[in-house]
Amino acid sequence: MSPRTPTRRRTEAEEILGPEDASLLDIVDNLLTKGVVLTGDLTLGLAQIDLVYARVSVLLSAADRVLPGESIDFMERHHERREMRHVRRRSRA
């Protein structure tokens, strides 16, 4: 009987990416599929006085995850809405 080798506990990255070697493309694909939220604080100041404070949150995700009901003709609808906005602006002026 062979001695039992202790199993190493998988890291959090290995649980997410899987046991195989992951390339940069695999990592980016996995991040976009699952989505990532980046948050941060931005402070603009002058002479040790804070003038502007902003809390920023950015969602990075694949478009089909955020807008699952969108069809292929997204750009066509975008151009139609844009044209309608221009027509409304012209009629108001």
C-alpha atoms as a PDB file:
ATOM      1  CA  MET A   1       0.000   0.000   0.000  1.00  0.00           C
ATOM      2  CA  SER A   2       1.451   3.366  -0.998  1.00  0.00           C
ATOM      3  CA  PRO A   3       1.578   6.259   1.464  1.00  0.00           C
ATOM      4  CA  ARG A   4      -1.192   8.760   1.036  1.00  0.00           C
ATOM      5  CA  THR A   5      -0.011  12.124  -0.199  1.00  0.00           C
ATOM      6  CA  PRO A   6      -1.666  15.069   1.515  1.00  0.00           C
ATOM      7  CA  THR A   7      -3.927  17.046  -0.795  1.00  0.00           C
ATOM      8  CA  ARG A   8      -3.151  20.709  -1.050  1.00  0.00           C
ATOM      9  CA  ARG A   9      -6.021  23.113  -0.399  1.00  0.00           C
ATOM     10  CA  ARG A  10      -7.033  24.917  -3.596  1.00  0.00           C
ATOM     11  CA  THR A  11      -6.586  28.657  -3.643  1.00  0.00           C
ATOM     12  CA  GLU A  12      -9.483  30.981  -4.400  1.00  0.00           C
ATOM     13  CA  ALA A  13      -8.031  31.706  -7.856  1.00  0.00           C
ATOM     14  CA  GLU A  14      -7.831  27.983  -8.635  1.00  0.00           C
ATOM     15  CA  GLU A  15     -11.452  27.520  -7.575  1.00  0.00           C
ATOM     16  CA  ILE A  16     -12.561  30.268  -9.955  1.00  0.00           C
ATOM     17  CA  LEU A  17     -10.288  29.509 -12.917  1.00  0.00           C
ATOM     18  CA  GLY A  18      -9.988  25.746 -12.581  1.00  0.00           C
ATOM     19  CA  PRO A  19      -6.995  23.494 -12.046  1.00  0.00           C
ATOM     20  CA  GLU A  20      -5.491  23.846 -15.530  1.00  0.00           C
ATOM     21  CA  ASP A  21      -3.053  26.580 -16.498  1.00  0.00           C
ATOM     22  CA  ALA A  22      -4.939  29.694 -17.501  1.00  0.00           C
ATOM     23  CA  SER A  23      -3.782  32.132 -20.137  1.00  0.00           C
ATOM     24  CA  LEU A  24      -4.512  35.848 -19.984  1.00  0.00           C
ATOM     25  CA  LEU A  25      -7.326  35.319 -22.478  1.00  0.00           C
ATOM     26  CA  ASP A  26      -8.912  32.690 -20.200  1.00  0.00           C
ATOM     27  CA  ILE A  27      -8.707  35.040 -17.226  1.00  0.00           C
ATOM     28  CA  VAL A  28     -10.247  37.994 -19.095  1.00  0.00           C
ATOM     29  CA  ASP A  29     -12.981  35.774 -20.529  1.00  0.00           C
ATOM     30  CA  ASN A  30     -13.810  34.435 -17.086  1.00  0.00           C
ATOM     31  CA  LEU A  31     -13.882  37.936 -15.576  1.00  0.00           C
ATOM     32  CA  LEU A  32     -16.190  39.265 -18.291  1.00  0.00           C
ATOM     33  CA  THR A  33     -18.464  36.233 -18.056  1.00  0.00           C
ATOM     34  CA  LYS A  34     -18.880  36.519 -14.289  1.00  0.00           C
ATOM     35  CA  GLY A  35     -18.503  40.300 -14.051  1.00  0.00           C
ATOM     36  CA  VAL A  36     -16.293  42.446 -11.861  1.00  0.00           C
ATOM     37  CA  VAL A  37     -17.090  45.591  -9.895  1.00  0.00           C
ATOM     38  CA  LEU A  38     -14.257  48.053  -9.323  1.00  0.00           C
ATOM     39  CA  THR A  39     -14.762  50.725  -6.686  1.00  0.00           C
ATOM     40  CA  GLY A  40     -12.612  53.604  -5.620  1.00  0.00           C
ATOM     41  CA  ASP A  41     -12.517  57.062  -4.127  1.00  0.00           C
ATOM     42  CA  LEU A  42     -11.238  60.136  -5.909  1.00  0.00           C
ATOM     43  CA  THR A  43     -10.300  63.312  -4.058  1.00  0.00           C
ATOM     44  CA  LEU A  44      -9.139  66.471  -5.793  1.00  0.00           C
ATOM     45  CA  GLY A  45      -7.551  69.047  -3.577  1.00  0.00           C
ATOM     46  CA  LEU A  46      -5.450  72.174  -3.608  1.00  0.00           C
ATOM     47  CA  ALA A  47      -3.117  73.304  -0.816  1.00  0.00           C
ATOM     48  CA  GLN A  48      -4.177  70.478   1.519  1.00  0.00           C
ATOM     49  CA  ILE A  49      -7.867  71.388   1.077  1.00  0.00           C
ATOM     50  CA  ASP A  50     -10.175  68.779  -0.433  1.00  0.00           C
ATOM     51  CA  LEU A  51     -12.257  70.436  -3.140  1.00  0.00           C
ATOM     52  CA  VAL A  52     -13.938  67.503  -4.882  1.00  0.00           C
ATOM     53  CA  TYR A  53     -14.682  64.038  -3.540  1.00  0.00           C
ATOM     54  CA  ALA A  54     -16.145  61.308  -5.732  1.00  0.00           C
ATOM     55  CA  ARG A  55     -16.880  57.671  -5.057  1.00  0.00           C
ATOM     56  CA  VAL A  56     -16.644  55.682  -8.292  1.00  0.00           C
ATOM     57  CA  SER A  57     -17.994  52.211  -9.063  1.00  0.00           C
ATOM     58  CA  VAL A  58     -17.459  50.561 -12.439  1.00  0.00           C
ATOM     59  CA  LEU A  59     -19.065  47.334 -13.629  1.00  0.00           C
ATOM     60  CA  LEU A  60     -17.007  45.326 -16.121  1.00  0.00           C
ATOM     61  CA  SER A  61     -19.046  42.583 -17.709  1.00  0.00           C
ATOM     62  CA  ALA A  62     -19.909  41.091 -21.057  1.00  0.00           C
ATOM     63  CA  ALA A  63     -22.765  42.962 -22.751  1.00  0.00           C
ATOM     64  CA  ASP A  64     -24.878  39.826 -23.121  1.00  0.00           C
ATOM     65  CA  ARG A  65     -24.795  39.430 -19.314  1.00  0.00           C
ATOM     66  CA  VAL A  66     -25.947  42.979 -18.634  1.00  0.00           C
ATOM     67  CA  LEU A  67     -28.460  43.172 -21.509  1.00  0.00           C
ATOM     68  CA  PRO A  68     -29.578  39.562 -22.072  1.00  0.00           C
ATOM     69  CA  GLY A  69     -32.691  40.534 -24.050  1.00  0.00           C
ATOM     70  CA  GLU A  70     -30.837  42.654 -26.592  1.00  0.00           C
ATOM     71  CA  SER A  71     -30.913  41.359 -30.139  1.00  0.00           C
ATOM     72  CA  ILE A  72     -28.392  41.691 -32.949  1.00  0.00           C
ATOM     73  CA  ASP A  73     -29.986  44.841 -34.353  1.00  0.00           C
ATOM     74  CA  PHE A  74     -28.831  46.917 -31.358  1.00  0.00           C
ATOM     75  CA  MET A  75     -26.932  49.395 -33.542  1.00  0.00           C
ATOM     76  CA  GLU A  76     -29.932  49.880 -35.818  1.00  0.00           C
ATOM     77  CA  ARG A  77     -32.152  50.755 -32.849  1.00  0.00           C
ATOM     78  CA  HIS A  78     -29.427  53.046 -31.517  1.00  0.00           C
ATOM     79  CA  HIS A  79     -29.313  54.992 -34.791  1.00  0.00           C
ATOM     80  CA  GLU A  80     -33.129  55.201 -34.909  1.00  0.00           C
ATOM     81  CA  ARG A  81     -33.297  56.609 -31.367  1.00  0.00           C
ATOM     82  CA  ARG A  82     -30.520  59.060 -32.159  1.00  0.00           C
ATOM     83  CA  GLU A  83     -32.352  60.274 -35.248  1.00  0.00           C
ATOM     84  CA  MET A  84     -35.583  60.662 -33.243  1.00  0.00           C
ATOM     85  CA  ARG A  85     -33.741  62.818 -30.671  1.00  0.00           C
ATOM     86  CA  HIS A  86     -32.400  65.057 -33.442  1.00  0.00           C
ATOM     87  CA  VAL A  87     -35.906  65.426 -34.927  1.00  0.00           C
ATOM     88  CA  ARG A  88     -37.323  66.399 -31.506  1.00  0.00           C
ATOM     89  CA  ARG A  89     -34.566  68.986 -30.973  1.00  0.00           C
ATOM     90  CA  ARG A  90     -35.189  70.509 -34.389  1.00  0.00           C
ATOM     91  CA  SER A  91     -38.956  70.711 -33.742  1.00  0.00           C
ATOM     92  CA  ARG A  92     -38.396  72.517 -30.395  1.00  0.00           C
ATOM     93  CA  ALA A  93     -36.103  75.131 -31.958  1.00  0.00           C
END
